[in-house]
Amino acid sequence: MSAEVLAGRPTRGATALRGGRLWRPSPYQVFGFLFWLVMTLAYWRLPLCCDAGQHAAVVERLKADLLRPRHPTADLPGAGSPYYSPYALAQGVFARLTGMSGWEVVRLAGPLNLLVLLTGLGRFVRMLTPRPWAPVLALAATTLLWGTERASWSGYPGLMSLAGSLAHPSAFAVGLAFWAWALTGTRARDTARVRFVGPRGLPSLTGYAGLGLLYGLVLLVHPITAVATLAGGAATVAGRQRDANPAVAARWALTCAVALVAAAAWPYFDVFGLVGNAGADAVHRRLYDDPFGQFWLAALVGLPALWLRVRRSGPRDPLVLMFAADCLLAAYGWFSGHYAYGRVLGLTLVPLQCALAVELAAPRPWPARRRLLGAVAAVAACAGFLTVQAGAVVPRSLDPVGFAQPPRGPSYEWAAQYIRPGQVVLTDGRQARGTLPGYGADLVAPARPDPALDESERLRRLADVRAYLAPGSTRAQRTAVVRRHQVRWLLLTPRHTLPEEAVMVAWSERTGEVLARVR
């Protein structure tokens, strides 16, 4: 064969000799990207609703004043409001730099939060097992295996919940929780001796301090999610840390100390002052209404998988300890009446879902019990998708069945175009109170409790709203309310009549609400 022919033909092994290697994406990178793309498109087609107006209002207040933002929904000081977290501050800075509105910044945050969540979940599952398909199965389990009744609270990683709450801080906090658990498990598994002096000890100590900063960040971004995150971190250390010597204890003490100092040093609100605060308990009472209907599919297939881990690894398995800790937190919320702790229920299912994913990612051939578990899990996933989750990703135009869709709140742009930022609106409409502040308007009475405003004052303001809108109110009584709170606009639901001192400016055909200017 000629030298010219040999010269034009690549030599076998040449690529390897040069150190090059063809990159191939892992199964989770492929399916994770596809999921991110589909979920982002599904999220983008839906109008922002529910609590999105509250978060847009926070961005607007920070955009106006980064150092001393006003109350998110009222013309009051905002010092002490837990809405002003590092996450919100970053959004406020971004809004100031780009000139984008609060609504636009909140909308843009959804795909970024999903990216944090997906990468965190993948890293967490890879910490549990090297099986390449386990993260893919964990993604399917955490998004589909819930129940046959809707559980759509923010911070729940089901499809239906994600579609409506990707832009919320809780979604970002859950993603950080996965990252925190993954990094904690990795460090707990490394039981090599650490030197506390000299250059060799510094990288390890820096890593533990950085992990403490991560836990502190979760605590500031979404405190109730942080409760489950901290419990999961403690369970991970207890389950994976085998070398219990003073050096190891000192490392974890450093992590805890940095987390506490980082949270305590945040200047916008006192996160530890939220402990025992009952302001948010009433709205979270519904979390405990139907736990069986909302979570039974996950329990059906997750508990057997968790039991197999107990038999294989013992009761100190990190997923077993994590599930037990979360169950105790949820039970405490129920028996104590602090129903806000019910928010941990969304993360309580994660150990079940991940245990199932690790079990079904085992190489074949499978024993009979694993084949049975896989078959039941497949049926349960289909049941969860068809009964609750499908409407999140199947648009109405392509829906042959009529799946339940995510909530679609009304837009208030028709009213916001007349209301200048900082002007006060009096309304008792539930949707209006949650949406109008996102355009910069202030409310007479904030819809939700907030440590920045004394609850007795909020209740007095709510009483003023009711007194103004009462059918038997006199003009003098209404004028006193207007002067007391400097009311400029009324947004009236169809059940209210237009007062004589107000002039109708706009009307919503969808909701029947009326925007009126007070003369």
Protein backbone atom coordinates (compact mmCIF):
# COMPACT_ATOMS: atom_id res chain seq x y z
CA MET A 1 0.00 0.00 0.00
CA SER A 2 1.34 3.42 -0.94
CA ALA A 3 2.67 5.87 1.56
CA GLU A 4 0.16 8.48 0.34
CA VAL A 5 -2.75 6.16 1.20
CA LEU A 6 -1.30 5.40 4.59
CA ALA A 7 -0.79 9.08 5.27
CA GLY A 8 -4.47 9.87 4.59
CA ARG A 9 -5.81 7.13 6.88
CA PRO A 10 -6.06 7.82 10.64
CA THR A 11 -4.05 5.46 12.78
CA ARG A 12 -6.04 3.41 15.25
CA GLY A 13 -5.54 4.65 18.75
CA ALA A 14 -4.16 7.99 17.61
CA THR A 15 -6.96 9.89 19.32
CA ALA A 16 -6.31 8.09 22.56
CA LEU A 17 -2.59 8.70 22.28
CA ARG A 18 -3.19 12.42 21.81
CA GLY A 19 -5.26 12.44 24.94
CA GLY A 20 -8.52 13.28 23.14
CA ARG A 21 -11.73 11.53 24.04
CA LEU A 22 -15.13 11.72 22.45
CA TRP A 23 -17.55 13.28 24.92
CA ARG A 24 -20.82 11.46 25.35
CA PRO A 25 -23.62 12.90 27.46
CA SER A 26 -24.93 10.81 30.31
CA PRO A 27 -28.55 9.59 30.22
CA TYR A 28 -29.47 12.23 32.79
CA GLN A 29 -27.87 15.02 30.80
CA VAL A 30 -29.95 14.00 27.77
CA PHE A 31 -33.25 13.49 29.55
CA GLY A 32 -32.63 16.34 31.97
CA PHE A 33 -32.12 18.76 29.10
CA LEU A 34 -35.26 17.48 27.34
CA PHE A 35 -37.21 17.88 30.57
CA TRP A 36 -35.85 21.39 31.07
CA LEU A 37 -36.88 22.31 27.53
CA VAL A 38 -40.40 20.85 27.77
CA MET A 39 -41.01 22.26 31.24
CA THR A 40 -39.73 25.70 30.26
CA LEU A 41 -42.07 25.78 27.26
CA ALA A 42 -44.96 24.63 29.45
CA TYR A 43 -44.12 27.27 32.05
CA TRP A 44 -43.76 29.99 29.43
CA ARG A 45 -47.21 29.37 27.94
CA LEU A 46 -48.93 29.93 31.29
CA PRO A 47 -49.67 33.37 32.72
CA LEU A 48 -48.01 34.14 36.03
CA CYS A 49 -50.52 33.89 38.82
CA CYS A 50 -51.09 33.22 42.48
CA ASP A 51 -48.07 34.36 44.54
CA ALA A 52 -46.14 35.66 41.53
CA GLY A 53 -47.59 39.14 42.08
CA GLN A 54 -46.17 39.20 45.60
CA HIS A 55 -42.71 38.29 44.33
CA ALA A 56 -42.93 40.81 41.48
CA ALA A 57 -43.85 43.45 44.08
CA VAL A 58 -40.73 42.59 46.07
CA VAL A 59 -38.59 43.09 42.96
CA GLU A 60 -40.27 46.44 42.27
CA ARG A 61 -39.62 47.66 45.81
CA LEU A 62 -35.96 46.65 45.63
CA LYS A 63 -35.63 48.17 42.20
CA ALA A 64 -36.81 51.47 43.68
CA ASP A 65 -34.56 51.28 46.75
CA LEU A 66 -32.08 48.45 47.34
CA LEU A 67 -31.09 49.52 50.84
CA ARG A 68 -34.44 50.55 52.36
CA PRO A 69 -37.24 48.88 50.38
CA ARG A 70 -40.80 49.63 51.38
CA HIS A 71 -43.28 46.96 52.49
CA PRO A 72 -43.95 44.62 49.53
CA THR A 73 -47.66 45.44 49.29
CA ALA A 74 -48.35 48.58 51.33
CA ASP A 75 -47.07 52.13 51.76
CA LEU A 76 -45.23 51.19 54.94
CA PRO A 77 -41.63 50.53 56.00
CA GLY A 78 -40.37 47.15 54.81
CA ALA A 79 -37.70 46.51 57.44
CA GLY A 80 -38.03 42.98 58.79
CA SER A 81 -39.89 41.44 55.84
CA PRO A 82 -38.57 37.93 55.05
CA TYR A 83 -39.39 38.50 51.40
CA TYR A 84 -36.18 40.55 51.14
CA SER A 85 -33.86 37.57 50.85
CA PRO A 86 -30.55 37.27 48.96
CA TYR A 87 -32.52 35.74 46.10
CA ALA A 88 -34.84 38.75 45.93
CA LEU A 89 -31.94 41.17 46.30
CA ALA A 90 -30.21 39.60 43.29
CA GLN A 91 -33.42 40.02 41.32
CA GLY A 92 -33.70 43.65 42.41
CA VAL A 93 -30.12 44.36 41.30
CA PHE A 94 -30.80 42.67 37.97
CA ALA A 95 -33.97 44.75 37.51
CA ARG A 96 -32.05 47.98 38.20
CA LEU A 97 -29.29 47.06 35.77
CA THR A 98 -31.59 46.00 32.94
CA GLY A 99 -34.61 48.25 33.53
CA MET A 100 -36.90 45.21 33.45
CA SER A 101 -40.13 45.21 35.45
CA GLY A 102 -40.75 42.99 38.44
CA TRP A 103 -43.03 40.76 36.39
CA GLU A 104 -40.39 40.32 33.70
CA VAL A 105 -37.67 39.44 36.21
CA VAL A 106 -39.91 36.92 37.97
CA ARG A 107 -40.86 35.35 34.65
CA LEU A 108 -37.19 35.04 33.65
CA ALA A 109 -36.29 33.37 36.95
CA GLY A 110 -38.36 30.25 36.21
CA PRO A 111 -36.00 28.47 33.77
CA LEU A 112 -32.99 29.40 35.91
CA ASN A 113 -34.62 27.95 39.03
CA LEU A 114 -35.45 24.79 37.10
CA LEU A 115 -31.81 24.47 36.04
CA VAL A 116 -30.67 24.70 39.67
CA LEU A 117 -33.26 22.11 40.68
CA LEU A 118 -32.37 19.64 37.92
CA THR A 119 -28.62 19.86 38.43
CA GLY A 120 -29.07 19.56 42.19
CA LEU A 121 -31.28 16.48 41.87
CA GLY A 122 -28.81 14.83 39.52
CA ARG A 123 -25.88 15.53 41.83
CA PHE A 124 -27.81 14.26 44.86
CA VAL A 125 -28.73 10.95 43.24
CA ARG A 126 -25.18 10.44 41.93
CA MET A 127 -24.03 10.88 45.52
CA LEU A 128 -26.29 7.96 46.45
CA THR A 129 -25.30 5.62 43.62
CA PRO A 130 -23.10 5.51 40.52
CA ARG A 131 -25.85 3.82 38.49
CA PRO A 132 -26.22 6.06 35.40
CA TRP A 133 -29.98 5.68 35.02
CA ALA A 134 -30.82 6.39 38.66
CA PRO A 135 -31.01 10.21 38.21
CA VAL A 136 -33.34 9.77 35.22
CA LEU A 137 -35.65 7.54 37.22
CA ALA A 138 -35.46 9.93 40.17
CA LEU A 139 -36.56 12.78 37.92
CA ALA A 140 -39.53 10.74 36.73
CA ALA A 141 -40.41 9.73 40.29
CA THR A 142 -40.18 13.21 41.82
CA THR A 143 -42.35 14.76 39.10
CA LEU A 144 -44.98 12.02 38.67
CA LEU A 145 -45.22 9.90 41.82
CA TRP A 146 -47.38 11.89 44.20
CA GLY A 147 -51.05 11.02 44.45
CA THR A 148 -54.31 11.22 42.56
CA GLU A 149 -55.35 14.49 44.19
CA ARG A 150 -53.62 17.75 43.32
CA ALA A 151 -50.83 18.97 45.59
CA SER A 152 -49.84 22.27 43.99
CA TRP A 153 -47.95 24.16 46.67
CA SER A 154 -44.80 25.97 45.66
CA GLY A 155 -41.73 23.97 46.59
CA TYR A 156 -43.37 20.70 45.59
CA PRO A 157 -41.41 19.25 42.62
CA GLY A 158 -44.42 17.64 40.94
CA LEU A 159 -45.18 18.61 37.34
CA MET A 160 -48.34 20.53 38.18
CA SER A 161 -46.72 22.44 41.01
CA LEU A 162 -43.61 23.26 38.99
CA ALA A 163 -45.66 24.64 36.10
CA GLY A 164 -47.18 27.28 38.33
CA SER A 165 -44.37 28.00 40.77
CA LEU A 166 -41.04 27.73 38.96
CA ALA A 167 -40.53 31.46 39.43
CA HIS A 168 -40.98 31.31 43.20
CA PRO A 169 -38.07 31.43 45.66
CA SER A 170 -39.14 28.05 47.02
CA ALA A 171 -38.24 26.36 43.71
CA PHE A 172 -34.76 27.86 43.91
CA ALA A 173 -34.47 26.80 47.56
CA VAL A 174 -35.41 23.19 46.75
CA GLY A 175 -32.72 23.11 44.09
CA LEU A 176 -30.19 24.43 46.60
CA ALA A 177 -31.39 21.79 49.08
CA PHE A 178 -30.49 19.02 46.63
CA TRP A 179 -27.07 20.57 46.11
CA ALA A 180 -26.54 20.91 49.86
CA TRP A 181 -27.43 17.25 50.47
CA ALA A 182 -25.20 16.09 47.62
CA LEU A 183 -22.19 18.06 48.84
CA THR A 184 -22.84 17.02 52.43
CA GLY A 185 -22.96 13.36 51.47
CA THR A 186 -19.78 13.64 49.46
CA ARG A 187 -17.90 15.22 52.36
CA ALA A 188 -19.34 12.81 54.90
CA ARG A 189 -18.14 9.91 52.79
CA ASP A 190 -14.60 11.27 52.71
CA THR A 191 -13.19 10.22 56.05
CA ALA A 192 -9.57 11.03 55.23
CA ARG A 193 -7.64 12.65 58.01
CA VAL A 194 -7.72 16.47 57.90
CA ARG A 195 -4.94 18.72 59.02
CA PHE A 196 -6.04 21.94 60.67
CA VAL A 197 -2.78 23.74 60.11
CA GLY A 198 -0.73 24.29 57.04
CA PRO A 199 -1.76 24.53 53.41
CA ARG A 200 -3.07 20.95 53.20
CA GLY A 201 -5.81 21.58 55.75
CA LEU A 202 -7.02 24.87 54.31
CA PRO A 203 -8.90 23.51 51.23
CA SER A 204 -10.92 21.07 53.33
CA LEU A 205 -11.86 23.69 55.89
CA THR A 206 -12.81 26.12 53.13
CA GLY A 207 -15.08 23.48 51.63
CA TYR A 208 -16.91 22.94 54.90
CA ALA A 209 -17.25 26.68 55.40
CA GLY A 210 -18.63 27.02 51.87
CA LEU A 211 -21.16 24.30 52.63
CA GLY A 212 -22.22 26.29 55.67
CA LEU A 213 -22.77 29.33 53.45
CA LEU A 214 -24.99 27.20 51.22
CA TYR A 215 -27.16 26.11 54.14
CA GLY A 216 -27.33 29.69 55.37
CA LEU A 217 -28.45 30.80 51.92
CA VAL A 218 -31.29 28.26 51.89
CA LEU A 219 -32.31 29.47 55.34
CA LEU A 220 -32.58 33.05 54.10
CA VAL A 221 -34.20 32.32 50.73
CA HIS A 222 -37.04 30.14 52.06
CA PRO A 223 -36.94 29.44 55.81
CA ILE A 224 -39.55 26.66 55.88
CA THR A 225 -37.76 24.77 53.10
CA ALA A 226 -34.57 25.24 55.09
CA VAL A 227 -36.09 23.30 57.99
CA ALA A 228 -36.37 20.19 55.80
CA THR A 229 -32.99 20.97 54.22
CA LEU A 230 -31.22 21.10 57.57
CA ALA A 231 -32.96 17.91 58.72
CA GLY A 232 -31.91 16.19 55.50
CA GLY A 233 -28.35 17.40 55.90
CA ALA A 234 -28.17 16.07 59.45
CA ALA A 235 -29.63 12.74 58.29
CA THR A 236 -27.05 12.54 55.51
CA VAL A 237 -24.16 13.12 57.91
CA ALA A 238 -25.55 10.58 60.39
CA GLY A 239 -26.03 8.01 57.63
CA ARG A 240 -22.76 8.40 55.73
CA GLN A 241 -20.21 9.64 58.25
CA ARG A 242 -18.47 6.60 59.70
CA ASP A 243 -15.34 8.23 61.12
CA ALA A 244 -16.61 9.97 64.26
CA ASN A 245 -13.49 11.57 65.65
CA PRO A 246 -12.90 15.06 67.05
CA ALA A 247 -11.49 16.32 63.76
CA VAL A 248 -14.65 15.27 61.91
CA ALA A 249 -16.89 16.83 64.57
CA ALA A 250 -14.94 20.07 64.32
CA ARG A 251 -15.43 20.19 60.56
CA TRP A 252 -19.18 19.85 60.84
CA ALA A 253 -19.23 22.34 63.71
CA LEU A 254 -17.57 24.80 61.35
CA THR A 255 -20.30 24.19 58.78
CA CYS A 256 -23.05 24.82 61.36
CA ALA A 257 -21.34 27.93 62.71
CA VAL A 258 -20.89 29.47 59.27
CA ALA A 259 -24.55 28.76 58.40
CA LEU A 260 -25.77 30.42 61.59
CA VAL A 261 -23.47 33.43 61.23
CA ALA A 262 -24.40 33.93 57.58
CA ALA A 263 -28.11 33.86 58.40
CA ALA A 264 -27.75 36.10 61.45
CA ALA A 265 -25.69 38.67 59.56
CA TRP A 266 -28.35 39.28 56.89
CA PRO A 267 -29.43 42.90 57.43
CA TYR A 268 -32.92 42.89 55.91
CA PHE A 269 -34.73 40.65 58.40
CA ASP A 270 -34.13 38.45 61.44
CA VAL A 271 -34.61 34.89 60.22
CA PHE A 272 -34.43 33.48 63.75
CA GLY A 273 -37.23 35.82 64.80
CA LEU A 274 -39.54 33.79 62.56
CA VAL A 275 -39.32 30.80 64.91
CA GLY A 276 -42.67 30.38 66.59
CA ASN A 277 -44.32 33.05 64.43
CA ALA A 278 -47.88 31.85 63.86
CA GLY A 279 -48.78 34.38 61.19
CA ALA A 280 -48.53 31.90 58.31
CA ASP A 281 -50.14 28.94 60.04
CA ALA A 282 -53.75 29.60 59.07
CA VAL A 283 -53.11 29.66 55.33
CA HIS A 284 -51.13 26.40 55.59
CA ARG A 285 -53.84 24.48 57.41
CA ARG A 286 -55.00 23.08 54.06
CA LEU A 287 -51.71 21.20 53.69
CA TYR A 288 -53.05 18.56 56.05
CA ASP A 289 -56.51 18.23 54.53
CA ASP A 290 -55.95 15.15 52.31
CA PRO A 291 -52.40 13.81 52.62
CA PHE A 292 -53.44 10.30 51.55
CA GLY A 293 -55.02 11.45 48.29
CA GLN A 294 -52.07 13.72 47.52
CA PHE A 295 -49.23 11.31 48.35
CA TRP A 296 -50.43 7.70 48.27
CA LEU A 297 -48.79 6.73 44.97
CA ALA A 298 -45.36 7.73 46.29
CA ALA A 299 -45.97 5.78 49.48
CA LEU A 300 -47.22 2.72 47.58
CA VAL A 301 -43.97 2.19 45.69
CA GLY A 302 -41.52 4.24 47.76
CA LEU A 303 -42.00 2.56 51.12
CA PRO A 304 -41.12 -0.93 49.79
CA ALA A 305 -37.99 0.52 48.17
CA LEU A 306 -37.06 2.23 51.43
CA TRP A 307 -37.61 -1.02 53.32
CA LEU A 308 -35.23 -2.79 50.96
CA ARG A 309 -32.60 -0.18 51.82
CA VAL A 310 -33.18 -0.81 55.52
CA ARG A 311 -32.60 -4.54 55.01
CA ARG A 312 -29.53 -3.91 52.89
CA SER A 313 -27.88 -0.97 54.67
CA GLY A 314 -29.53 -0.88 58.07
CA PRO A 315 -31.56 1.88 59.75
CA ARG A 316 -28.69 4.37 59.37
CA ASP A 317 -29.23 4.66 55.65
CA PRO A 318 -29.37 8.42 54.86
CA LEU A 319 -32.64 8.19 52.92
CA VAL A 320 -34.26 6.28 55.78
CA LEU A 321 -33.11 8.84 58.33
CA MET A 322 -34.16 11.71 56.06
CA PHE A 323 -37.66 10.29 55.64
CA ALA A 324 -38.02 9.74 59.39
CA ALA A 325 -36.86 13.29 60.18
CA ASP A 326 -39.28 14.85 57.69
CA CYS A 327 -42.18 12.77 59.02
CA LEU A 328 -41.41 14.02 62.53
CA LEU A 329 -41.38 17.63 61.33
CA ALA A 330 -44.71 17.22 59.54
CA ALA A 331 -46.22 15.55 62.60
CA TYR A 332 -44.97 18.39 64.78
CA GLY A 333 -46.69 20.88 62.50
CA TRP A 334 -49.99 19.03 62.84
CA PHE A 335 -49.97 18.43 66.59
CA SER A 336 -48.55 21.85 67.53
CA GLY A 337 -50.85 23.84 65.27
CA HIS A 338 -47.87 25.37 63.45
CA TYR A 339 -49.23 24.23 60.13
CA ALA A 340 -46.53 26.04 58.14
CA TYR A 341 -44.31 23.05 58.89
CA GLY A 342 -46.57 21.12 56.56
CA ARG A 343 -44.55 22.61 53.71
CA VAL A 344 -41.92 19.94 54.43
CA LEU A 345 -44.36 17.33 53.09
CA GLY A 346 -43.17 18.07 49.55
CA LEU A 347 -39.60 17.09 50.46
CA THR A 348 -40.76 14.22 52.69
CA LEU A 349 -41.49 12.21 49.55
CA VAL A 350 -38.02 12.73 48.07
CA PRO A 351 -36.38 9.88 50.07
CA LEU A 352 -39.14 7.52 48.90
CA GLN A 353 -38.85 8.61 45.29
CA CYS A 354 -35.04 8.46 45.24
CA ALA A 355 -34.97 5.08 47.00
CA LEU A 356 -37.26 3.72 44.29
CA ALA A 357 -35.08 5.22 41.54
CA VAL A 358 -31.89 3.68 42.96
CA GLU A 359 -33.60 0.31 43.32
CA LEU A 360 -34.95 0.24 39.75
CA ALA A 361 -31.63 1.41 38.29
CA ALA A 362 -29.95 -1.83 39.39
CA PRO A 363 -28.46 -3.92 36.56
CA ARG A 364 -30.42 -6.85 35.21
CA PRO A 365 -31.39 -9.62 35.66
CA TRP A 366 -33.84 -8.53 38.34
CA PRO A 367 -35.24 -10.76 41.06
CA ALA A 368 -38.99 -11.27 41.08
CA ARG A 369 -39.63 -8.68 43.80
CA ARG A 370 -37.80 -5.96 41.83
CA ARG A 371 -39.73 -6.82 38.67
CA LEU A 372 -42.97 -6.53 40.61
CA LEU A 373 -41.89 -3.22 42.14
CA GLY A 374 -40.97 -1.89 38.69
CA ALA A 375 -44.32 -2.89 37.22
CA VAL A 376 -46.28 -1.29 40.07
CA ALA A 377 -44.14 1.86 39.81
CA ALA A 378 -44.81 2.15 36.08
CA VAL A 379 -48.57 1.84 36.65
CA ALA A 380 -48.42 4.35 39.51
CA ALA A 381 -46.48 6.85 37.38
CA CYS A 382 -49.06 6.57 34.61
CA ALA A 383 -51.86 7.02 37.13
CA GLY A 384 -50.19 10.10 38.59
CA PHE A 385 -49.61 11.60 35.16
CA LEU A 386 -53.13 11.01 33.86
CA THR A 387 -55.02 12.03 37.01
CA VAL A 388 -53.05 15.10 38.15
CA GLN A 389 -49.84 15.99 36.33
CA ALA A 390 -50.62 15.79 32.59
CA GLY A 391 -52.27 19.20 32.32
CA ALA A 392 -48.99 20.86 33.25
CA VAL A 393 -47.31 19.86 29.99
CA VAL A 394 -50.19 19.06 27.63
CA PRO A 395 -51.65 22.30 26.20
CA ARG A 396 -55.40 22.57 25.85
CA SER A 397 -55.14 22.68 22.06
CA LEU A 398 -53.56 19.19 22.06
CA ASP A 399 -55.56 17.74 24.94
CA PRO A 400 -57.84 14.90 23.80
CA VAL A 401 -59.11 14.13 27.30
CA GLY A 402 -59.59 17.36 29.17
CA PHE A 403 -56.82 17.16 31.75
CA ALA A 404 -56.98 19.48 34.73
CA GLN A 405 -54.89 22.56 33.93
CA PRO A 406 -52.66 24.67 36.20
CA PRO A 407 -54.36 27.73 37.70
CA ARG A 408 -54.68 30.71 35.37
CA GLY A 409 -55.29 33.87 37.34
CA PRO A 410 -56.68 36.96 35.63
CA SER A 411 -54.36 39.72 34.47
CA TYR A 412 -54.77 43.17 35.96
CA GLU A 413 -52.91 45.10 33.28
CA TRP A 414 -56.25 46.68 32.38
CA ALA A 415 -56.24 48.37 35.80
CA ALA A 416 -52.49 48.79 36.29
CA GLN A 417 -52.18 51.05 33.25
CA TYR A 418 -54.05 53.75 35.20
CA ILE A 419 -52.43 53.25 38.62
CA ARG A 420 -49.05 54.89 39.12
CA PRO A 421 -46.47 53.19 41.38
CA GLY A 422 -46.99 54.12 45.00
CA GLN A 423 -50.68 55.00 44.67
CA VAL A 424 -52.98 53.29 47.17
CA VAL A 425 -55.74 50.91 46.11
CA LEU A 426 -58.61 49.75 48.31
CA THR A 427 -59.95 46.31 47.40
CA ASP A 428 -61.02 43.05 48.99
CA GLY A 429 -60.67 40.96 45.83
CA ARG A 430 -58.43 37.96 46.49
CA GLN A 431 -56.81 37.90 43.06
CA ALA A 432 -56.44 41.68 42.90
CA ARG A 433 -54.70 41.85 46.29
CA GLY A 434 -52.19 39.24 45.16
CA THR A 435 -51.52 40.79 41.75
CA LEU A 436 -51.75 44.60 41.79
CA PRO A 437 -48.70 45.15 44.05
CA GLY A 438 -46.63 43.52 41.34
CA TYR A 439 -47.27 46.60 39.20
CA GLY A 440 -46.09 48.93 41.95
CA ALA A 441 -49.45 49.73 43.54
CA ASP A 442 -49.90 49.80 47.31
CA LEU A 443 -52.80 48.20 49.16
CA VAL A 444 -54.66 49.57 52.13
CA ALA A 445 -54.39 46.17 53.83
CA PRO A 446 -51.76 43.54 52.88
CA ALA A 447 -53.33 40.21 52.06
CA ARG A 448 -50.85 38.14 54.06
CA PRO A 449 -49.18 38.44 57.45
CA ASP A 450 -45.65 39.82 57.36
CA PRO A 451 -43.28 40.42 60.29
CA ALA A 452 -42.61 43.87 58.83
CA LEU A 453 -46.14 44.89 59.85
CA ASP A 454 -47.65 44.24 63.24
CA GLU A 455 -50.51 41.80 62.80
CA SER A 456 -52.90 43.90 64.88
CA GLU A 457 -52.29 46.84 62.53
CA ARG A 458 -52.93 44.64 59.49
CA LEU A 459 -56.20 43.47 61.01
CA ARG A 460 -57.21 47.08 61.70
CA ARG A 461 -56.55 47.91 58.07
CA LEU A 462 -58.63 44.94 56.94
CA ALA A 463 -61.43 46.20 59.18
CA ASP A 464 -61.20 49.61 57.48
CA VAL A 465 -61.54 47.95 54.06
CA ARG A 466 -64.60 46.04 55.21
CA ALA A 467 -66.10 49.19 56.74
CA TYR A 468 -65.62 51.17 53.52
CA LEU A 469 -67.19 48.45 51.35
CA ALA A 470 -70.05 47.67 53.73
CA PRO A 471 -73.46 48.33 52.12
CA GLY A 472 -74.55 50.51 55.03
CA SER A 473 -71.46 52.72 55.20
CA THR A 474 -71.98 56.47 55.06
CA ARG A 475 -70.01 58.90 52.95
CA ALA A 476 -68.46 60.41 56.06
CA GLN A 477 -67.25 56.99 57.18
CA ARG A 478 -65.80 56.25 53.77
CA THR A 479 -64.12 59.66 53.60
CA ALA A 480 -62.41 58.98 56.92
CA VAL A 481 -60.98 55.72 55.57
CA VAL A 482 -59.81 57.44 52.37
CA ARG A 483 -58.02 60.18 54.31
CA ARG A 484 -56.52 57.81 56.84
CA HIS A 485 -54.88 55.65 54.18
CA GLN A 486 -54.62 58.19 51.32
CA VAL A 487 -56.70 56.00 49.03
CA ARG A 488 -56.59 56.99 45.38
CA TRP A 489 -58.27 54.01 43.69
CA LEU A 490 -60.99 51.46 44.32
CA LEU A 491 -61.05 48.04 42.68
CA LEU A 492 -64.55 46.70 43.24
CA THR A 493 -65.73 43.14 42.74
CA PRO A 494 -69.19 42.57 41.16
CA ARG A 495 -70.83 42.23 44.57
CA HIS A 496 -70.02 45.86 45.47
CA THR A 497 -71.74 49.02 44.26
CA LEU A 498 -69.89 52.11 43.11
CA PRO A 499 -69.80 54.77 45.88
CA GLU A 500 -71.06 58.22 44.98
CA GLU A 501 -67.64 59.81 45.56
CA ALA A 502 -65.91 57.55 42.99
CA VAL A 503 -65.80 57.62 39.19
CA MET A 504 -65.49 54.44 37.15
CA VAL A 505 -62.36 54.41 34.95
CA ALA A 506 -62.10 50.85 33.64
CA TRP A 507 -63.90 47.51 33.73
CA SER A 508 -62.78 43.89 33.29
CA GLU A 509 -64.97 41.80 31.05
CA ARG A 510 -63.45 38.59 32.42
CA THR A 511 -63.91 39.19 36.16
CA GLY A 512 -66.56 41.90 36.18
CA GLU A 513 -64.39 44.05 38.45
CA VAL A 514 -64.44 47.84 38.24
CA LEU A 515 -61.57 50.28 38.72
CA ALA A 516 -62.76 53.61 40.10
CA ARG A 517 -60.93 56.80 41.03
CA VAL A 518 -61.81 58.45 44.31
CA ARG A 519 -62.68 62.13 43.86
